[in-house]
Every structure is written in C-alpha cells, then in structure tokens.
C-alpha atoms as a PDB file:
ATOM      1  CA  UNK A   1      13.808 -10.717   2.838  1.00  0.00           C
ATOM      2  CA  UNK A   2      10.860 -10.889   5.409  1.00  0.00           C
ATOM      3  CA  UNK A   3      10.644 -12.521   8.732  1.00  0.00           C
ATOM      4  CA  UNK A   4       7.810 -12.133  11.331  1.00  0.00           C
ATOM      5  CA  UNK A   5       9.831 -11.127  14.190  1.00  0.00           C
ATOM      6  CA  UNK A   6       7.914  -9.339  16.928  1.00  0.00           C
ATOM      7  CA  UNK A   7       4.961  -8.562  14.429  1.00  0.00           C
ATOM      8  CA  UNK A   8       1.809 -10.363  14.690  1.00  0.00           C
ATOM      9  CA  UNK A   9       1.747 -10.725  10.886  1.00  0.00           C
ATOM     10  CA  UNK A  10       2.918 -14.019   9.945  1.00  0.00           C
ATOM     11  CA  UNK A  11       4.153 -15.028   6.484  1.00  0.00           C
ATOM     12  CA  UNK A  12       4.567 -14.191   3.831  1.00  0.00           C
ATOM     13  CA  UNK A  13       2.553 -17.067   2.475  1.00  0.00           C
ATOM     14  CA  UNK A  14       2.279 -16.747  -1.562  1.00  0.00           C
ATOM     15  CA  UNK A  15       2.709 -13.187  -3.002  1.00  0.00           C
ATOM     16  CA  UNK A  16       4.436 -11.198  -5.646  1.00  0.00           C
ATOM     17  CA  UNK A  17       6.489  -8.352  -6.140  1.00  0.00           C
ATOM     18  CA  UNK A  18       4.968  -5.358  -8.002  1.00  0.00           C
ATOM     19  CA  UNK A  19       6.166  -2.127  -8.978  1.00  0.00           C
ATOM     20  CA  UNK A  20       3.971   1.002  -9.574  1.00  0.00           C
ATOM     21  CA  UNK A  21       4.365   3.449 -12.643  1.00  0.00           C
ATOM     22  CA  UNK A  22       5.879   5.879 -10.136  1.00  0.00           C
ATOM     23  CA  UNK A  23       8.801   3.460  -9.296  1.00  0.00           C
ATOM     24  CA  UNK A  24       7.880   2.041  -6.086  1.00  0.00           C
ATOM     25  CA  UNK A  25       7.926  -1.501  -5.339  1.00  0.00           C
ATOM     26  CA  UNK A  26       5.704  -3.385  -2.989  1.00  0.00           C
ATOM     27  CA  UNK A  27       4.954  -7.063  -1.902  1.00  0.00           C
ATOM     28  CA  UNK A  28       1.484  -8.406  -1.898  1.00  0.00           C
ATOM     29  CA  UNK A  29       1.390 -11.341   0.332  1.00  0.00           C
ATOM     30  CA  UNK A  30      -0.936 -13.472   2.440  1.00  0.00           C
ATOM     31  CA  UNK A  31      -1.121 -14.030   6.126  1.00  0.00           C
ATOM     32  CA  UNK A  32      -2.391 -17.215   7.396  1.00  0.00           C
ATOM     33  CA  UNK A  33      -5.328 -16.537   9.803  1.00  0.00           C
ATOM     34  CA  UNK A  34      -6.247 -20.280  10.548  1.00  0.00           C
ATOM     35  CA  UNK A  35     -10.035 -20.768  10.373  1.00  0.00           C
ATOM     36  CA  UNK A  36     -10.333 -17.131   8.999  1.00  0.00           C
ATOM     37  CA  UNK A  37      -8.442 -18.061   5.959  1.00  0.00           C
ATOM     38  CA  UNK A  38      -5.992 -15.777   4.417  1.00  0.00           C
ATOM     39  CA  UNK A  39      -5.500 -11.941   4.875  1.00  0.00           C
ATOM     40  CA  UNK A  40      -3.921  -9.744   2.250  1.00  0.00           C
ATOM     41  CA  UNK A  41      -1.162  -7.516   3.076  1.00  0.00           C
ATOM     42  CA  UNK A  42       0.906  -4.978   0.990  1.00  0.00           C
ATOM     43  CA  UNK A  43       4.491  -4.329   2.281  1.00  0.00           C
ATOM     44  CA  UNK A  44       6.859  -1.554   0.875  1.00  0.00           C
ATOM     45  CA  UNK A  45       9.970  -2.799  -0.755  1.00  0.00           C
ATOM     46  CA  UNK A  46      13.420  -1.145  -0.738  1.00  0.00           C
ATOM     47  CA  UNK A  47      16.165  -2.448  -2.701  1.00  0.00           C
ATOM     48  CA  UNK A  48      19.628  -2.848  -1.138  1.00  0.00           C
ATOM     49  CA  UNK A  49      22.697  -4.361  -3.220  1.00  0.00           C
ATOM     50  CA  UNK A  50      20.057  -5.591  -5.831  1.00  0.00           C
ATOM     51  CA  UNK A  51      18.215  -7.536  -3.069  1.00  0.00           C
ATOM     52  CA  UNK A  52      14.607  -6.691  -1.707  1.00  0.00           C
ATOM     53  CA  UNK A  53      14.263  -5.587   1.900  1.00  0.00           C
ATOM     54  CA  UNK A  54      10.603  -5.822   2.565  1.00  0.00           C
ATOM     55  CA  UNK A  55       8.650  -3.361   5.196  1.00  0.00           C
ATOM     56  CA  UNK A  56      10.502  -2.354   8.408  1.00  0.00           C
ATOM     57  CA  UNK A  57      14.272  -3.249   8.674  1.00  0.00           C
ATOM     58  CA  UNK A  58      14.732  -1.574  12.106  1.00  0.00           C
ATOM     59  CA  UNK A  59      18.102  -3.284  12.988  1.00  0.00           C
ATOM     60  CA  UNK A  60      19.568  -2.989   9.155  1.00  0.00           C
ATOM     61  CA  UNK A  61      20.404  -6.634   8.942  1.00  0.00           C
ATOM     62  CA  UNK A  62      18.578  -6.852   5.563  1.00  0.00           C
ATOM     63  CA  UNK A  63      15.645  -8.765   6.836  1.00  0.00           C
ATOM     64  CA  UNK A  64      12.330  -6.857   7.030  1.00  0.00           C
ATOM     65  CA  UNK A  65       9.489  -7.202   9.570  1.00  0.00           C
ATOM     66  CA  UNK A  66       5.857  -7.032   8.343  1.00  0.00           C
ATOM     67  CA  UNK A  67       3.740  -4.023   9.611  1.00  0.00           C
ATOM     68  CA  UNK A  68      -0.044  -3.929   9.738  1.00  0.00           C
ATOM     69  CA  UNK A  69      -0.370  -0.472   8.582  1.00  0.00           C
ATOM     70  CA  UNK A  70       1.823   1.713   6.236  1.00  0.00           C
ATOM     71  CA  UNK A  71       1.436   4.654   3.732  1.00  0.00           C
ATOM     72  CA  UNK A  72      -0.544   3.999   0.622  1.00  0.00           C
ATOM     73  CA  UNK A  73       1.472   3.499  -2.616  1.00  0.00           C
ATOM     74  CA  UNK A  74       1.937   6.821  -4.680  1.00  0.00           C
ATOM     75  CA  UNK A  75       0.036   6.249  -7.828  1.00  0.00           C
ATOM     76  CA  UNK A  76      -0.120   8.383 -10.812  1.00  0.00           C
ATOM     77  CA  UNK A  77      -3.761   8.975 -10.793  1.00  0.00           C
ATOM     78  CA  UNK A  78      -5.516  10.542  -7.742  1.00  0.00           C
ATOM     79  CA  UNK A  79      -8.886   8.422  -7.396  1.00  0.00           C
ATOM     80  CA  UNK A  80     -10.953   7.673  -4.325  1.00  0.00           C
ATOM     81  CA  UNK A  81     -10.483   3.979  -3.408  1.00  0.00           C
ATOM     82  CA  UNK A  82     -13.389   1.819  -3.430  1.00  0.00           C
ATOM     83  CA  UNK A  83     -14.171  -1.831  -3.304  1.00  0.00           C
ATOM     84  CA  UNK A  84     -14.818  -3.518  -6.597  1.00  0.00           C
ATOM     85  CA  UNK A  85     -18.424  -3.888  -7.457  1.00  0.00           C
ATOM     86  CA  UNK A  86     -20.618  -5.632 -10.178  1.00  0.00           C
ATOM     87  CA  UNK A  87     -21.841  -3.498 -12.997  1.00  0.00           C
ATOM     88  CA  UNK A  88     -25.074  -4.621 -14.180  1.00  0.00           C
END
C-alpha cells in the first residue's frame, strides 16, 4: 500500500485509516525521526479493486509513495484550524 520510494518520509510506523463525512479516505501514520521522536503524517487514500492505495502512485503499480505536503481533507464545516488548547 505504501513504500518510502524516493521520499524522505519513512514508514508507515503505526497508523490508522480514517474516512471523512464527505467520503474521503486518509491514512494517519507516524514517521520515525530518530532522536526527534515520531512525526505525524496524513496521506490521501484511493481505493482500487477494493484495496487502498496511499498517497502518490506515480508508476501505477498500486504502491503509493508518501508525500510531505498534500491538500487538506474536504470537511463539511469550514472552520479555521488551530492547535488544541486547554480551556480553564
């Protein structure tokens, strides 16, 4: 489903498939960054023959290659994105 290929994003290391209310599918996964810990990535998922193909599949072999940037998921409510914060 996903192989590092020529990308500098290794992984996936742990993760989950998620779907949005608008019908898009995404993979949330971690990248091992050695002493820096784990970096969270969000990769788009396309379905081919009932099998997930993740991120960019440039050669069409069914194995995606992770990308550092991609468009945001299409969500039903348009809200500004902000980090979570504690409410006191």
